Amino acid sequence: MDFPDLAEVKAYDLGQPYFTGMPHYPTHPPFLYSLTKKHGDIIYGEGTTAAADAIALGTHVGTHIDALSHFSCNGIFFGNRRVEHSYEHGMAELGVDTIAPIVRRGVILDIAGLEGKDALPEDFEVRPAHLSQASKVELRPGDVVMIRTGWGQFFADSKRYINNTAAPGPGIEGARWLSSRRVFAAGSDTVVFEKTPNPAMPVHVHLLVESGIHIIEVLNLEEVARDGIQEFLFVAAPMNIRGATGAPLRPLAFPLPFNSWLSTKR
């Protein structure tokens, strides 16, 4: 099969926007933005002007991916190793700069839709039975699997979205269900990819430390779920920040005919 005509393929943006006052997990710094130069401040000649901006944000703010160095347990990181790190230079190993650009099959598991709800309640735990029932296509090793809770629609309301960090998500059994399928990454539309609050963060420990599976958080899955699309070509690349434990991500979903084209290349 020839490569598909890109003009005929709709790209779904799975990332949330950045704006002043946007939601962020309380232990991470907020997103800050300002113009640093307005039009008219400097005239370059013949009436030409330019504007510029500056931003500051944490690497786990907004739609982002967790590097395997984001979590450890008893001083041990993925691969049963200890990783040198410092405030000045970050992580000596397993940093977000080691994540290659991602071009993989993506799959949406719409748990909110499965439950017949616009959004799951904050105390809802996504269990293996939910994941199995929501799987309309077979999961394959290396997939990027995303769980829709419906909370992406709350993103414009910081207080509602963060909700004192109480939110639905998978528990440890759900995490083990995902790792048993050897996925490349797992993510959701909530600020934390697991049922919270849970101080031990067992899902993060299991996926990042024990299984080497990346986590993607703060996704926007509303449009792609509304259109009933469950599998697609997932394309994204984290910012190449040397030694960082995570980075902003702009994920895109390309539905058929991309998936048909990929199937001929396996």
Protein backbone atom coordinates (compact mmCIF):
# COMPACT_ATOMS: atom_id res chain seq x y z
CA MET A 1 0.00 0.00 0.00
CA ASP A 2 1.24 3.49 -0.83
CA PHE A 3 1.75 6.04 1.90
CA PRO A 4 -1.60 7.76 2.56
CA ASP A 5 -2.39 11.25 1.37
CA LEU A 6 -1.82 13.42 4.43
CA ALA A 7 -4.39 15.94 3.23
CA GLU A 8 -7.08 13.30 3.68
CA VAL A 9 -6.19 12.40 7.28
CA LYS A 10 -7.58 14.34 10.23
CA ALA A 11 -5.12 14.96 13.04
CA TYR A 12 -6.57 14.85 16.54
CA ASP A 13 -4.69 16.95 19.09
CA LEU A 14 -4.48 14.96 22.34
CA GLY A 15 -2.70 17.73 24.25
CA GLN A 16 -4.22 20.33 26.55
CA PRO A 17 -3.48 24.05 26.00
CA TYR A 18 -1.06 26.07 28.12
CA PHE A 19 -2.37 29.27 29.71
CA THR A 20 -1.87 31.38 32.81
CA GLY A 21 -3.81 29.82 35.67
CA MET A 22 -3.97 26.38 34.07
CA PRO A 23 -4.26 23.36 36.38
CA HIS A 24 -1.10 21.84 37.81
CA TYR A 25 -0.35 19.27 40.47
CA PRO A 26 0.28 21.18 43.72
CA THR A 27 3.86 19.92 44.19
CA HIS A 28 4.87 21.13 40.72
CA PRO A 29 5.41 24.78 39.76
CA PRO A 30 2.73 26.62 37.78
CA PHE A 31 2.90 27.67 34.16
CA LEU A 32 3.99 31.30 33.83
CA TYR A 33 3.73 33.43 30.71
CA SER A 34 4.40 37.02 29.73
CA LEU A 35 5.17 39.08 26.68
CA THR A 36 8.75 40.30 26.91
CA LYS A 37 8.44 42.72 24.02
CA LYS A 38 5.35 44.38 22.59
CA HIS A 39 4.83 45.59 19.06
CA GLY A 40 5.98 49.18 18.91
CA ASP A 41 8.56 48.88 21.71
CA ILE A 42 11.35 48.73 19.14
CA ILE A 43 11.05 50.02 15.58
CA TYR A 44 13.38 48.14 13.25
CA GLY A 45 12.90 50.45 10.31
CA GLU A 46 10.17 51.30 7.84
CA GLY A 47 7.57 50.60 10.53
CA THR A 48 8.62 46.97 11.19
CA THR A 49 8.13 45.71 14.75
CA ALA A 50 8.17 42.36 16.52
CA ALA A 51 6.81 40.85 19.73
CA ALA A 52 8.27 38.06 21.87
CA ASP A 53 7.36 36.07 24.96
CA ALA A 54 8.81 34.06 27.84
CA ILE A 55 7.45 31.01 29.63
CA ALA A 56 8.37 29.05 32.74
CA LEU A 57 6.90 25.72 33.76
CA GLY A 58 7.65 22.45 35.48
CA THR A 59 8.40 19.42 33.35
CA HIS A 60 5.33 17.65 34.79
CA VAL A 61 2.89 20.49 34.08
CA GLY A 62 0.30 20.21 31.33
CA THR A 63 0.30 17.30 28.89
CA HIS A 64 3.62 15.54 29.53
CA ILE A 65 5.45 12.24 29.61
CA ASP A 66 7.24 10.74 32.61
CA ALA A 67 10.76 9.50 32.08
CA LEU A 68 11.73 6.29 33.86
CA SER A 69 13.81 8.39 36.26
CA HIS A 70 10.70 10.15 37.60
CA PHE A 71 10.17 7.54 40.34
CA SER A 72 12.33 5.22 42.40
CA CYS A 73 11.62 2.85 45.28
CA ASN A 74 14.07 2.38 48.13
CA GLY A 75 16.66 4.18 46.02
CA ILE A 76 16.25 1.76 43.11
CA PHE A 77 15.21 2.80 39.60
CA PHE A 78 14.09 0.77 36.60
CA GLY A 79 16.52 -2.01 35.72
CA ASN A 80 17.38 -2.55 39.41
CA ARG A 81 19.88 0.27 39.27
CA ARG A 82 20.83 3.33 41.25
CA VAL A 83 21.03 6.54 39.27
CA GLU A 84 23.32 9.45 40.07
CA HIS A 85 21.55 12.79 39.95
CA SER A 86 22.03 16.35 41.08
CA TYR A 87 20.13 19.64 41.18
CA GLU A 88 22.55 21.10 38.62
CA HIS A 89 22.64 18.30 36.04
CA GLY A 90 19.52 16.23 36.65
CA MET A 91 19.53 12.49 36.03
CA ALA A 92 22.69 10.78 34.80
CA GLU A 93 20.55 7.96 33.31
CA LEU A 94 16.94 7.33 32.30
CA GLY A 95 16.26 11.00 31.58
CA VAL A 96 13.55 12.21 29.25
CA ASP A 97 16.25 12.91 26.65
CA THR A 98 16.60 9.14 26.22
CA ILE A 99 13.02 8.84 24.92
CA ALA A 100 13.07 8.72 21.14
CA PRO A 101 10.29 10.42 19.15
CA ILE A 102 7.22 8.23 19.50
CA VAL A 103 5.55 6.82 16.39
CA ARG A 104 3.41 3.92 17.56
CA ARG A 105 -0.06 2.48 17.56
CA GLY A 106 -2.33 4.28 19.99
CA VAL A 107 -5.42 2.82 21.64
CA ILE A 108 -8.16 4.58 23.63
CA LEU A 109 -9.97 2.70 26.40
CA ASP A 110 -13.07 4.79 27.09
CA ILE A 111 -13.98 3.80 30.64
CA ALA A 112 -16.34 6.73 31.11
CA GLY A 113 -18.21 5.68 27.98
CA LEU A 114 -18.25 2.07 29.17
CA GLU A 115 -19.91 3.20 32.40
CA GLY A 116 -22.38 5.41 30.54
CA LYS A 117 -21.08 8.55 32.24
CA ASP A 118 -19.79 11.91 31.00
CA ALA A 119 -17.04 11.60 33.62
CA LEU A 120 -16.12 9.00 36.22
CA PRO A 121 -16.62 9.93 39.88
CA GLU A 122 -13.52 10.87 41.83
CA ASP A 123 -13.49 7.62 43.84
CA PHE A 124 -13.72 5.32 40.80
CA GLU A 125 -10.98 2.70 40.47
CA VAL A 126 -10.33 1.40 36.96
CA ARG A 127 -9.98 -2.36 37.35
CA PRO A 128 -8.87 -5.08 34.92
CA ALA A 129 -12.49 -5.95 34.13
CA HIS A 130 -13.12 -2.37 32.99
CA LEU A 131 -10.00 -2.38 30.82
CA SER A 132 -10.92 -5.71 29.23
CA GLN A 133 -14.50 -4.63 28.52
CA ALA A 134 -13.37 -1.31 27.03
CA SER A 135 -10.85 -3.02 24.71
CA LYS A 136 -12.61 -3.11 21.36
CA VAL A 137 -9.35 -3.93 19.60
CA GLU A 138 -6.55 -6.27 20.59
CA LEU A 139 -3.73 -4.59 22.50
CA ARG A 140 -0.26 -5.29 21.16
CA PRO A 141 3.19 -5.00 22.73
CA GLY A 142 4.58 -1.52 22.18
CA ASP A 143 1.20 0.22 22.06
CA VAL A 144 0.46 3.55 23.72
CA VAL A 145 -2.71 2.93 25.74
CA MET A 146 -4.81 5.84 27.01
CA ILE A 147 -7.64 5.68 29.52
CA ARG A 148 -10.49 8.15 29.17
CA THR A 149 -12.14 9.09 32.48
CA GLY A 150 -13.94 12.14 31.07
CA TRP A 151 -11.99 14.50 33.30
CA GLY A 152 -10.37 16.20 30.32
CA GLN A 153 -13.53 18.29 29.96
CA PHE A 154 -12.81 19.88 33.37
CA PHE A 155 -9.40 21.25 32.37
CA ALA A 156 -10.58 24.84 31.95
CA ASP A 157 -11.61 24.85 35.63
CA SER A 158 -8.43 24.40 37.67
CA LYS A 159 -10.20 23.84 40.98
CA ARG A 160 -12.50 21.19 39.53
CA TYR A 161 -9.76 19.44 37.59
CA ILE A 162 -7.22 19.23 40.41
CA ASN A 163 -9.97 18.53 43.00
CA ASN A 164 -7.49 18.43 45.90
CA THR A 165 -5.71 15.64 43.91
CA ALA A 166 -8.68 13.25 44.28
CA ALA A 167 -9.40 11.68 40.90
CA PRO A 168 -10.34 8.37 39.25
CA GLY A 169 -7.80 6.07 37.69
CA PRO A 170 -6.32 2.59 37.70
CA GLY A 171 -5.25 0.87 40.87
CA ILE A 172 -2.36 -1.56 41.09
CA GLU A 173 -4.33 -4.42 39.52
CA GLY A 174 -5.20 -2.23 36.55
CA ALA A 175 -1.53 -1.28 36.24
CA ARG A 176 -0.52 -4.94 36.23
CA TRP A 177 -3.11 -5.63 33.53
CA LEU A 178 -1.43 -2.99 31.36
CA SER A 179 2.13 -4.15 32.07
CA SER A 180 1.19 -7.74 31.26
CA ARG A 181 0.39 -6.51 27.74
CA ARG A 182 3.89 -4.97 27.48
CA VAL A 183 2.67 -1.55 26.40
CA PHE A 184 5.20 1.18 25.69
CA ALA A 185 3.30 3.88 27.57
CA ALA A 186 0.05 4.31 29.46
CA GLY A 187 -1.77 7.56 30.04
CA SER A 188 -5.01 9.28 30.91
CA ASP A 189 -6.84 12.59 30.94
CA THR A 190 -6.28 13.17 34.68
CA VAL A 191 -3.46 15.03 36.43
CA VAL A 192 -2.20 11.77 37.94
CA PHE A 193 -2.32 8.41 36.18
CA GLU A 194 -3.76 6.41 39.05
CA LYS A 195 -6.62 6.53 41.50
CA THR A 196 -5.65 9.24 43.95
CA PRO A 197 -4.96 10.16 46.64
CA ASN A 198 -2.59 7.30 47.41
CA PRO A 199 0.68 8.45 49.04
CA ALA A 200 2.59 5.31 47.99
CA MET A 201 1.78 5.91 44.29
CA PRO A 202 1.81 2.16 43.55
CA VAL A 203 0.81 2.53 39.88
CA HIS A 204 3.72 4.89 39.20
CA VAL A 205 6.12 2.56 40.99
CA HIS A 206 4.88 -0.50 39.14
CA LEU A 207 4.92 1.05 35.67
CA LEU A 208 8.02 3.27 35.85
CA VAL A 209 10.26 1.39 38.29
CA GLU A 210 9.25 -2.24 37.96
CA SER A 211 8.10 -2.40 34.33
CA GLY A 212 9.89 0.35 32.36
CA ILE A 213 6.60 1.72 31.01
CA HIS A 214 6.28 5.47 30.49
CA ILE A 215 3.31 7.42 31.83
CA ILE A 216 1.54 10.22 29.95
CA GLU A 217 -0.72 12.55 31.93
CA VAL A 218 -3.16 15.43 31.29
CA LEU A 219 -4.31 14.15 27.89
CA ASN A 220 -7.32 15.52 26.03
CA LEU A 221 -9.28 12.50 24.81
CA GLU A 222 -12.71 14.09 24.41
CA GLU A 223 -12.75 14.69 20.65
CA VAL A 224 -11.26 11.38 19.60
CA ALA A 225 -13.66 9.52 21.94
CA ARG A 226 -16.62 11.54 20.68
CA ASP A 227 -15.82 10.39 17.14
CA GLY A 228 -15.67 6.78 18.26
CA ILE A 229 -12.03 6.27 17.29
CA GLN A 230 -10.19 3.68 19.36
CA GLU A 231 -7.00 2.89 17.44
CA PHE A 232 -4.77 5.24 15.48
CA LEU A 233 -1.22 6.24 14.70
CA PHE A 234 0.15 8.02 17.77
CA VAL A 235 2.88 10.59 17.09
CA ALA A 236 4.62 12.68 19.75
CA ALA A 237 8.03 13.84 20.89
CA PRO A 238 9.00 15.11 24.33
CA MET A 239 11.12 18.23 24.64
CA ASN A 240 14.76 17.12 24.56
CA ILE A 241 15.77 18.31 28.03
CA ARG A 242 19.01 16.70 29.12
CA GLY A 243 18.67 14.81 32.40
CA ALA A 244 15.03 15.78 33.02
CA THR A 245 12.53 13.46 34.71
CA GLY A 246 9.76 14.46 32.30
CA ALA A 247 8.86 16.92 29.57
CA PRO A 248 5.93 18.59 27.85
CA LEU A 249 4.46 16.51 25.03
CA ARG A 250 2.27 17.42 22.03
CA PRO A 251 0.62 14.10 21.09
CA LEU A 252 -1.31 13.68 17.85
CA ALA A 253 -3.64 10.89 16.76
CA PHE A 254 -4.04 9.97 13.07
CA PRO A 255 -6.88 7.49 12.45
CA LEU A 256 -7.33 5.35 9.33
CA PRO A 257 -5.98 5.01 6.71
CA PHE A 258 -2.72 5.33 8.67
CA ASN A 259 -3.42 2.18 10.67
CA SER A 260 -4.09 0.20 7.50
CA TRP A 261 -0.81 1.42 6.09
CA LEU A 262 1.03 0.41 9.27
CA SER A 263 -0.49 -3.07 9.20
CA THR A 264 1.18 -3.73 5.84
CA LYS A 265 4.59 -2.82 7.30
CA ARG A 266 4.55 -5.28 10.22
